[in-house]
């Protein structure tokens, strides 16, 4: 379900309690564009745990396959500085 930011301004946060009786999450639109998702904290926590578990499994797979490098702190800092130089500014 998509709700505009103006609806939330008018009805306040209690609007979400009513909506969560019908749906699991709400998409918040700002100036007609979908921008945020509001969900129950328990659902968010489960989603976050899933993401972290998936990331952990990917890292372990990289280690198993040898897809990593061992760098000194100095080498790592040099790489970070080079990467920052290549990042465009806003």
PDB file of N, CA and C in Angstrom:
ATOM      1  N   UNK A   1       0.841  -1.174   0.000  1.00  0.00           N
ATOM      2  CA  UNK A   1       0.000   0.000   0.000  1.00  0.00           C
ATOM      3  C   UNK A   1       0.887   1.238   0.000  1.00  0.00           C
ATOM      4  N   UNK A   2       0.572   2.193  -0.829  1.00  0.00           N
ATOM      5  CA  UNK A   2       1.331   3.441  -0.928  1.00  0.00           C
ATOM      6  C   UNK A   2       0.535   4.553  -0.265  1.00  0.00           C
ATOM      7  N   UNK A   3       1.222   5.320   0.588  1.00  0.00           N
ATOM      8  CA  UNK A   3       0.610   6.435   1.301  1.00  0.00           C
ATOM      9  C   UNK A   3       1.496   7.657   1.087  1.00  0.00           C
ATOM     10  N   UNK A   4       0.880   8.794   0.888  1.00  0.00           N
ATOM     11  CA  UNK A   4       1.671  10.012   0.685  1.00  0.00           C
ATOM     12  C   UNK A   4       2.144  10.568   2.027  1.00  0.00           C
ATOM     13  N   UNK A   5       3.234  11.307   1.978  1.00  0.00           N
ATOM     14  CA  UNK A   5       3.760  11.946   3.183  1.00  0.00           C
ATOM     15  C   UNK A   5       2.730  12.916   3.765  1.00  0.00           C
ATOM     16  N   UNK A   6       1.930  13.537   2.896  1.00  0.00           N
ATOM     17  CA  UNK A   6       0.891  14.460   3.379  1.00  0.00           C
ATOM     18  C   UNK A   6      -0.164  13.738   4.210  1.00  0.00           C
ATOM     19  N   UNK A   7      -0.488  12.497   3.833  1.00  0.00           N
ATOM     20  CA  UNK A   7      -1.444  11.703   4.632  1.00  0.00           C
ATOM     21  C   UNK A   7      -0.906  11.494   6.041  1.00  0.00           C
ATOM     22  N   UNK A   8       0.382  11.204   6.134  1.00  0.00           N
ATOM     23  CA  UNK A   8       0.997  10.989   7.442  1.00  0.00           C
ATOM     24  C   UNK A   8       0.995  12.290   8.230  1.00  0.00           C
ATOM     25  N   UNK A   9       1.250  13.406   7.551  1.00  0.00           N
ATOM     26  CA  UNK A   9       1.206  14.707   8.230  1.00  0.00           C
ATOM     27  C   UNK A   9      -0.186  14.978   8.805  1.00  0.00           C
ATOM     28  N   UNK A  10      -1.202  14.655   8.026  1.00  0.00           N
ATOM     29  CA  UNK A  10      -2.588  14.906   8.458  1.00  0.00           C
ATOM     30  C   UNK A  10      -3.003  14.000   9.612  1.00  0.00           C
ATOM     31  N   UNK A  11      -2.709  12.710   9.493  1.00  0.00           N
ATOM     32  CA  UNK A  11      -3.233  11.717  10.430  1.00  0.00           C
ATOM     33  C   UNK A  11      -2.244  11.277  11.493  1.00  0.00           C
ATOM     34  N   UNK A  12      -0.979  11.605  11.315  1.00  0.00           N
ATOM     35  CA  UNK A  12       0.027  11.226  12.292  1.00  0.00           C
ATOM     36  C   UNK A  12       0.407   9.759  12.195  1.00  0.00           C
ATOM     37  N   UNK A  13       1.231   9.359  13.116  1.00  0.00           N
ATOM     38  CA  UNK A  13       1.768   8.001  13.122  1.00  0.00           C
ATOM     39  C   UNK A  13       0.675   6.964  13.381  1.00  0.00           C
ATOM     40  N   UNK A  14      -0.397   7.352  14.018  1.00  0.00           N
ATOM     41  CA  UNK A  14      -1.489   6.409  14.273  1.00  0.00           C
ATOM     42  C   UNK A  14      -2.067   5.840  12.978  1.00  0.00           C
ATOM     43  N   UNK A  15      -1.849   6.540  11.880  1.00  0.00           N
ATOM     44  CA  UNK A  15      -2.284   6.041  10.572  1.00  0.00           C
ATOM     45  C   UNK A  15      -1.689   4.664  10.295  1.00  0.00           C
ATOM     46  N   UNK A  16      -0.429   4.469  10.707  1.00  0.00           N
ATOM     47  CA  UNK A  16       0.230   3.191  10.447  1.00  0.00           C
ATOM     48  C   UNK A  16      -0.422   2.049  11.220  1.00  0.00           C
ATOM     49  N   UNK A  17      -0.858   2.305  12.446  1.00  0.00           N
ATOM     50  CA  UNK A  17      -1.547   1.262  13.210  1.00  0.00           C
ATOM     51  C   UNK A  17      -2.765   0.749  12.455  1.00  0.00           C
ATOM     52  N   UNK A  18      -3.532   1.651  11.887  1.00  0.00           N
ATOM     53  CA  UNK A  18      -4.720   1.258  11.123  1.00  0.00           C
ATOM     54  C   UNK A  18      -4.325   0.482   9.863  1.00  0.00           C
ATOM     55  N   UNK A  19      -3.291   0.971   9.175  1.00  0.00           N
ATOM     56  CA  UNK A  19      -2.880   0.322   7.933  1.00  0.00           C
ATOM     57  C   UNK A  19      -2.289  -1.059   8.180  1.00  0.00           C
ATOM     58  N   UNK A  20      -1.543  -1.213   9.278  1.00  0.00           N
ATOM     59  CA  UNK A  20      -0.923  -2.501   9.582  1.00  0.00           C
ATOM     60  C   UNK A  20      -1.947  -3.573   9.948  1.00  0.00           C
ATOM     61  N   UNK A  21      -3.177  -3.189  10.203  1.00  0.00           N
ATOM     62  CA  UNK A  21      -4.241  -4.183  10.404  1.00  0.00           C
ATOM     63  C   UNK A  21      -4.567  -4.884   9.089  1.00  0.00           C
ATOM     64  N   UNK A  22      -4.273  -4.212   7.955  1.00  0.00           N
ATOM     65  CA  UNK A  22      -4.618  -4.739   6.640  1.00  0.00           C
ATOM     66  C   UNK A  22      -3.404  -5.213   5.836  1.00  0.00           C
ATOM     67  N   UNK A  23      -2.247  -4.542   6.023  1.00  0.00           N
ATOM     68  CA  UNK A  23      -1.063  -4.852   5.217  1.00  0.00           C
ATOM     69  C   UNK A  23       0.165  -5.012   6.115  1.00  0.00           C
ATOM     70  N   UNK A  24       1.219  -5.636   5.562  1.00  0.00           N
ATOM     71  CA  UNK A  24       2.441  -5.870   6.334  1.00  0.00           C
ATOM     72  C   UNK A  24       3.419  -4.700   6.301  1.00  0.00           C
ATOM     73  N   UNK A  25       3.374  -3.922   5.221  1.00  0.00           N
ATOM     74  CA  UNK A  25       4.248  -2.760   5.134  1.00  0.00           C
ATOM     75  C   UNK A  25       3.585  -1.680   4.300  1.00  0.00           C
ATOM     76  N   UNK A  26       4.109  -0.470   4.446  1.00  0.00           N
ATOM     77  CA  UNK A  26       3.532   0.686   3.767  1.00  0.00           C
ATOM     78  C   UNK A  26       4.653   1.418   3.042  1.00  0.00           C
ATOM     79  N   UNK A  27       4.406   1.754   1.798  1.00  0.00           N
ATOM     80  CA  UNK A  27       5.365   2.549   1.034  1.00  0.00           C
ATOM     81  C   UNK A  27       4.953   4.006   1.168  1.00  0.00           C
ATOM     82  N   UNK A  28       5.900   4.840   1.533  1.00  0.00           N
ATOM     83  CA  UNK A  28       5.639   6.261   1.723  1.00  0.00           C
ATOM     84  C   UNK A  28       6.112   7.004   0.481  1.00  0.00           C
ATOM     85  N   UNK A  29       5.231   7.770  -0.114  1.00  0.00           N
ATOM     86  CA  UNK A  29       5.622   8.534  -1.295  1.00  0.00           C
ATOM     87  C   UNK A  29       5.796   9.997  -0.911  1.00  0.00           C
ATOM     88  N   UNK A  30       6.816  10.585  -1.503  1.00  0.00           N
ATOM     89  CA  UNK A  30       7.104  11.997  -1.282  1.00  0.00           C
ATOM     90  C   UNK A  30       7.108  12.661  -2.650  1.00  0.00           C
ATOM     91  N   UNK A  31       6.256  13.641  -2.796  1.00  0.00           N
ATOM     92  CA  UNK A  31       6.085  14.337  -4.083  1.00  0.00           C
ATOM     93  C   UNK A  31       5.820  13.358  -5.219  1.00  0.00           C
ATOM     94  N   UNK A  32       5.014  12.356  -4.928  1.00  0.00           N
ATOM     95  CA  UNK A  32       4.603  11.401  -5.950  1.00  0.00           C
ATOM     96  C   UNK A  32       5.584  10.288  -6.247  1.00  0.00           C
ATOM     97  N   UNK A  33       6.726  10.274  -5.559  1.00  0.00           N
ATOM     98  CA  UNK A  33       7.714   9.229  -5.804  1.00  0.00           C
ATOM     99  C   UNK A  33       7.851   8.338  -4.575  1.00  0.00           C
ATOM    100  N   UNK A  34       7.858   7.029  -4.807  1.00  0.00           N
ATOM    101  CA  UNK A  34       8.031   6.082  -3.707  1.00  0.00           C
ATOM    102  C   UNK A  34       9.409   6.273  -3.108  1.00  0.00           C
ATOM    103  N   UNK A  35       9.458   6.530  -1.782  1.00  0.00           N
ATOM    104  CA  UNK A  35      10.745   6.864  -1.183  1.00  0.00           C
ATOM    105  C   UNK A  35      11.105   6.019   0.036  1.00  0.00           C
ATOM    106  N   UNK A  36      10.143   5.666   0.880  1.00  0.00           N
ATOM    107  CA  UNK A  36      10.427   4.937   2.113  1.00  0.00           C
ATOM    108  C   UNK A  36       9.480   3.759   2.269  1.00  0.00           C
ATOM    109  N   UNK A  37       9.915   2.792   3.075  1.00  0.00           N
ATOM    110  CA  UNK A  37       9.053   1.673   3.438  1.00  0.00           C
ATOM    111  C   UNK A  37       8.954   1.651   4.951  1.00  0.00           C
ATOM    112  N   UNK A  38       7.746   1.553   5.449  1.00  0.00           N
ATOM    113  CA  UNK A  38       7.503   1.452   6.882  1.00  0.00           C
ATOM    114  C   UNK A  38       6.984   0.047   7.146  1.00  0.00           C
ATOM    115  N   UNK A  39       7.620  -0.622   8.118  1.00  0.00           N
ATOM    116  CA  UNK A  39       7.186  -1.977   8.445  1.00  0.00           C
ATOM    117  C   UNK A  39       7.274  -2.201   9.944  1.00  0.00           C
ATOM    118  N   UNK A  40       6.643  -3.244  10.377  1.00  0.00           N
ATOM    119  CA  UNK A  40       6.688  -3.652  11.766  1.00  0.00           C
ATOM    120  C   UNK A  40       8.142  -3.932  12.151  1.00  0.00           C
ATOM    121  N   UNK A  41       8.552  -3.523  13.364  1.00  0.00           N
ATOM    122  CA  UNK A  41       9.931  -3.688  13.789  1.00  0.00           C
ATOM    123  C   UNK A  41      10.360  -5.151  13.784  1.00  0.00           C
ATOM    124  N   UNK A  42       9.478  -6.044  14.196  1.00  0.00           N
ATOM    125  CA  UNK A  42       9.821  -7.470  14.214  1.00  0.00           C
ATOM    126  C   UNK A  42      10.150  -7.956  12.802  1.00  0.00           C
ATOM    127  N   UNK A  43       9.353  -7.533  11.832  1.00  0.00           N
ATOM    128  CA  UNK A  43       9.598  -7.911  10.432  1.00  0.00           C
ATOM    129  C   UNK A  43      10.920  -7.320   9.945  1.00  0.00           C
ATOM    130  N   UNK A  44      11.190  -6.068  10.312  1.00  0.00           N
ATOM    131  CA  UNK A  44      12.450  -5.429   9.936  1.00  0.00           C
ATOM    132  C   UNK A  44      13.636  -6.201  10.514  1.00  0.00           C
ATOM    133  N   UNK A  45      13.535  -6.567  11.786  1.00  0.00           N
ATOM    134  CA  UNK A  45      14.613  -7.286  12.458  1.00  0.00           C
ATOM    135  C   UNK A  45      14.885  -8.622  11.768  1.00  0.00           C
ATOM    136  N   UNK A  46      13.826  -9.345  11.400  1.00  0.00           N
ATOM    137  CA  UNK A  46      13.984 -10.615  10.685  1.00  0.00           C
ATOM    138  C   UNK A  46      14.643 -10.404   9.325  1.00  0.00           C
ATOM    139  N   UNK A  47      14.232  -9.363   8.621  1.00  0.00           N
ATOM    140  CA  UNK A  47      14.815  -9.050   7.319  1.00  0.00           C
ATOM    141  C   UNK A  47      16.294  -8.712   7.472  1.00  0.00           C
ATOM    142  N   UNK A  48      16.625  -7.935   8.470  1.00  0.00           N
ATOM    143  CA  UNK A  48      18.020  -7.553   8.716  1.00  0.00           C
ATOM    144  C   UNK A  48      18.869  -8.779   9.071  1.00  0.00           C
ATOM    145  N   UNK A  49      18.337  -9.658   9.904  1.00  0.00           N
ATOM    146  CA  UNK A  49      19.059 -10.889  10.252  1.00  0.00           C
ATOM    147  C   UNK A  49      19.305 -11.737   9.005  1.00  0.00           C
ATOM    148  N   UNK A  50      18.316 -11.808   8.136  1.00  0.00           N
ATOM    149  CA  UNK A  50      18.469 -12.547   6.876  1.00  0.00           C
ATOM    150  C   UNK A  50      19.591 -11.940   6.035  1.00  0.00           C
ATOM    151  N   UNK A  51      19.600 -10.614   5.922  1.00  0.00           N
ATOM    152  CA  UNK A  51      20.635  -9.938   5.143  1.00  0.00           C
ATOM    153  C   UNK A  51      22.025 -10.210   5.715  1.00  0.00           C
ATOM    154  N   UNK A  52      22.141 -10.130   7.029  1.00  0.00           N
ATOM    155  CA  UNK A  52      23.439 -10.376   7.662  1.00  0.00           C
ATOM    156  C   UNK A  52      23.885 -11.824   7.480  1.00  0.00           C
ATOM    157  N   UNK A  53      22.962 -12.759   7.598  1.00  0.00           N
ATOM    158  CA  UNK A  53      23.285 -14.167   7.394  1.00  0.00           C
ATOM    159  C   UNK A  53      23.745 -14.409   5.956  1.00  0.00           C
ATOM    160  N   UNK A  54      23.055 -13.811   5.006  1.00  0.00           N
ATOM    161  CA  UNK A  54      23.418 -13.955   3.597  1.00  0.00           C
ATOM    162  C   UNK A  54      24.802 -13.373   3.346  1.00  0.00           C
ATOM    163  N   UNK A  55      25.084 -12.220   3.914  1.00  0.00           N
ATOM    164  CA  UNK A  55      26.398 -11.599   3.765  1.00  0.00           C
ATOM    165  C   UNK A  55      27.484 -12.483   4.365  1.00  0.00           C
ATOM    166  N   UNK A  56      27.224 -13.033   5.544  1.00  0.00           N
ATOM    167  CA  UNK A  56      28.175 -13.929   6.202  1.00  0.00           C
ATOM    168  C   UNK A  56      28.482 -15.131   5.306  1.00  0.00           C
ATOM    169  N   UNK A  57      27.434 -15.725   4.730  1.00  0.00           N
ATOM    170  CA  UNK A  57      27.622 -16.885   3.858  1.00  0.00           C
ATOM    171  C   UNK A  57      28.436 -16.525   2.623  1.00  0.00           C
ATOM    172  N   UNK A  58      28.205 -15.339   2.060  1.00  0.00           N
ATOM    173  CA  UNK A  58      28.963 -14.896   0.894  1.00  0.00           C
ATOM    174  C   UNK A  58      30.442 -14.706   1.251  1.00  0.00           C
ATOM    175  N   UNK A  59      30.706 -14.127   2.419  1.00  0.00           N
ATOM    176  CA  UNK A  59      32.087 -13.932   2.861  1.00  0.00           C
ATOM    177  C   UNK A  59      32.771 -15.276   3.073  1.00  0.00           C
ATOM    178  N   UNK A  60      32.086 -16.201   3.709  1.00  0.00           N
ATOM    179  CA  UNK A  60      32.672 -17.521   3.941  1.00  0.00           C
ATOM    180  C   UNK A  60      32.955 -18.229   2.617  1.00  0.00           C
ATOM    181  N   UNK A  61      32.098 -18.043   1.638  1.00  0.00           N
ATOM    182  CA  UNK A  61      32.309 -18.629   0.309  1.00  0.00           C
ATOM    183  C   UNK A  61      33.538 -17.999  -0.353  1.00  0.00           C
ATOM    184  N   UNK A  62      33.683 -16.675  -0.215  1.00  0.00           N
ATOM    185  CA  UNK A  62      34.868 -16.003  -0.756  1.00  0.00           C
ATOM    186  C   UNK A  62      36.137 -16.540  -0.102  1.00  0.00           C
ATOM    187  N   UNK A  63      36.113 -16.723   1.202  1.00  0.00           N
ATOM    188  CA  UNK A  63      37.282 -17.253   1.906  1.00  0.00           C
ATOM    189  C   UNK A  63      37.595 -18.663   1.416  1.00  0.00           C
ATOM    190  N   UNK A  64      36.558 -19.474   1.302  1.00  0.00           N
ATOM    191  CA  UNK A  64      36.726 -20.857   0.823  1.00  0.00           C
ATOM    192  C   UNK A  64      37.354 -20.888  -0.570  1.00  0.00           C
ATOM    193  N   UNK A  65      36.954 -19.941  -1.438  1.00  0.00           N
ATOM    194  CA  UNK A  65      37.442 -19.898  -2.812  1.00  0.00           C
ATOM    195  C   UNK A  65      38.713 -19.073  -2.986  1.00  0.00           C
ATOM    196  N   UNK A  66      39.206 -18.515  -1.889  1.00  0.00           N
ATOM    197  CA  UNK A  66      40.431 -17.715  -1.969  1.00  0.00           C
ATOM    198  C   UNK A  66      40.243 -16.335  -2.555  1.00  0.00           C
ATOM    199  N   UNK A  67      39.025 -15.837  -2.558  1.00  0.00           N
ATOM    200  CA  UNK A  67      38.725 -14.512  -3.124  1.00  0.00           C
ATOM    201  C   UNK A  67      38.907 -13.420  -2.070  1.00  0.00           C
ATOM    202  N   UNK A  68      40.151 -13.217  -1.635  1.00  0.00           N
ATOM    203  CA  UNK A  68      40.448 -12.159  -0.672  1.00  0.00           C
ATOM    204  C   UNK A  68      41.928 -11.833  -0.763  1.00  0.00           C
ATOM    205  N   UNK A  69      42.294 -10.697  -0.157  1.00  0.00           N
ATOM    206  CA  UNK A  69      43.698 -10.292  -0.122  1.00  0.00           C
ATOM    207  C   UNK A  69      44.073  -9.977   1.318  1.00  0.00           C
ATOM    208  N   UNK A  70      45.328 -10.200   1.649  1.00  0.00           N
ATOM    209  CA  UNK A  70      45.850  -9.833   2.959  1.00  0.00           C
ATOM    210  C   UNK A  70      46.715  -8.602   2.755  1.00  0.00           C
ATOM    211  N   UNK A  71      46.358  -7.495   3.429  1.00  0.00           N
ATOM    212  CA  UNK A  71      47.080  -6.238   3.292  1.00  0.00           C
ATOM    213  C   UNK A  71      47.529  -5.736   4.652  1.00  0.00           C
ATOM    214  N   UNK A  72      48.607  -4.999   4.654  1.00  0.00           N
ATOM    215  CA  UNK A  72      48.998  -4.310   5.881  1.00  0.00           C
ATOM    216  C   UNK A  72      48.060  -3.110   6.053  1.00  0.00           C
ATOM    217  N   UNK A  73      48.064  -2.540   7.233  1.00  0.00           N
ATOM    218  CA  UNK A  73      47.232  -1.362   7.480  1.00  0.00           C
ATOM    219  C   UNK A  73      47.631  -0.234   6.534  1.00  0.00           C
ATOM    220  N   UNK A  74      48.907  -0.084   6.306  1.00  0.00           N
ATOM    221  CA  UNK A  74      49.410   0.972   5.416  1.00  0.00           C
ATOM    222  C   UNK A  74      48.906   0.758   3.987  1.00  0.00           C
ATOM    223  N   UNK A  75      48.975  -0.472   3.499  1.00  0.00           N
ATOM    224  CA  UNK A  75      48.479  -0.781   2.146  1.00  0.00           C
ATOM    225  C   UNK A  75      46.978  -0.537   2.050  1.00  0.00           C
ATOM    226  N   UNK A  76      46.269  -0.934   3.084  1.00  0.00           N
ATOM    227  CA  UNK A  76      44.819  -0.751   3.102  1.00  0.00           C
ATOM    228  C   UNK A  76      44.466   0.739   3.052  1.00  0.00           C
ATOM    229  N   UNK A  77      45.151   1.544   3.858  1.00  0.00           N
ATOM    230  CA  UNK A  77      44.897   2.985   3.866  1.00  0.00           C
ATOM    231  C   UNK A  77      45.204   3.604   2.507  1.00  0.00           C
ATOM    232  N   UNK A  78      46.277   3.145   1.866  1.00  0.00           N
ATOM    233  CA  UNK A  78      46.622   3.649   0.534  1.00  0.00           C
ATOM    234  C   UNK A  78      45.509   3.335  -0.462  1.00  0.00           C
ATOM    235  N   UNK A  79      44.990   2.114  -0.419  1.00  0.00           N
ATOM    236  CA  UNK A  79      43.879   1.729  -1.306  1.00  0.00           C
ATOM    237  C   UNK A  79      42.640   2.578  -1.047  1.00  0.00           C
ATOM    238  N   UNK A  80      42.336   2.813   0.228  1.00  0.00           N
ATOM    239  CA  UNK A  80      41.169   3.640   0.566  1.00  0.00           C
ATOM    240  C   UNK A  80      41.341   5.058   0.035  1.00  0.00           C
ATOM    241  N   UNK A  81      42.529   5.619   0.214  1.00  0.00           N
ATOM    242  CA  UNK A  81      42.788   6.977  -0.275  1.00  0.00           C
ATOM    243  C   UNK A  81      42.635   7.052  -1.792  1.00  0.00           C
ATOM    244  N   UNK A  82      43.119   6.051  -2.495  1.00  0.00           N
ATOM    245  CA  UNK A  82      42.989   6.016  -3.945  1.00  0.00           C
ATOM    246  C   UNK A  82      41.520   5.899  -4.358  1.00  0.00           C
ATOM    247  N   UNK A  83      40.789   5.058  -3.660  1.00  0.00           N
ATOM    248  CA  UNK A  83      39.360   4.912  -3.957  1.00  0.00           C
ATOM    249  C   UNK A  83      38.611   6.216  -3.725  1.00  0.00           C
ATOM    250  N   UNK A  84      38.963   6.921  -2.642  1.00  0.00           N
ATOM    251  CA  UNK A  84      38.292   8.191  -2.354  1.00  0.00           C
ATOM    252  C   UNK A  84      38.581   9.245  -3.412  1.00  0.00           C
ATOM    253  N   UNK A  85      39.754   9.222  -3.978  1.00  0.00           N
ATOM    254  CA  UNK A  85      40.084  10.166  -5.045  1.00  0.00           C
ATOM    255  C   UNK A  85      39.222   9.923  -6.282  1.00  0.00           C
ATOM    256  N   UNK A  86      38.836   8.665  -6.489  1.00  0.00           N
ATOM    257  CA  UNK A  86      38.058   8.294  -7.670  1.00  0.00           C
ATOM    258  C   UNK A  86      36.562   8.457  -7.490  1.00  0.00           C
ATOM    259  N   UNK A  87      36.135   8.807  -6.291  1.00  0.00           N
ATOM    260  CA  UNK A  87      34.702   8.980  -6.032  1.00  0.00           C
ATOM    261  C   UNK A  87      34.300  10.392  -6.429  1.00  0.00           C
ATOM    262  N   UNK A  88      33.244  10.493  -7.207  1.00  0.00           N
ATOM    263  CA  UNK A  88      32.774  11.829  -7.597  1.00  0.00           C
ATOM    264  C   UNK A  88      32.061  12.483  -6.415  1.00  0.00           C
ATOM    265  N   UNK A  89      32.180  13.774  -6.326  1.00  0.00           N
ATOM    266  CA  UNK A  89      31.512  14.521  -5.255  1.00  0.00           C
ATOM    267  C   UNK A  89      30.137  14.944  -5.724  1.00  0.00           C
ATOM    268  N   UNK A  90      29.266  15.174  -4.770  1.00  0.00           N
ATOM    269  CA  UNK A  90      27.888  15.553  -5.090  1.00  0.00           C
ATOM    270  C   UNK A  90      27.795  16.990  -5.449  1.00  0.00           C
TER     271      UNK A  90
END
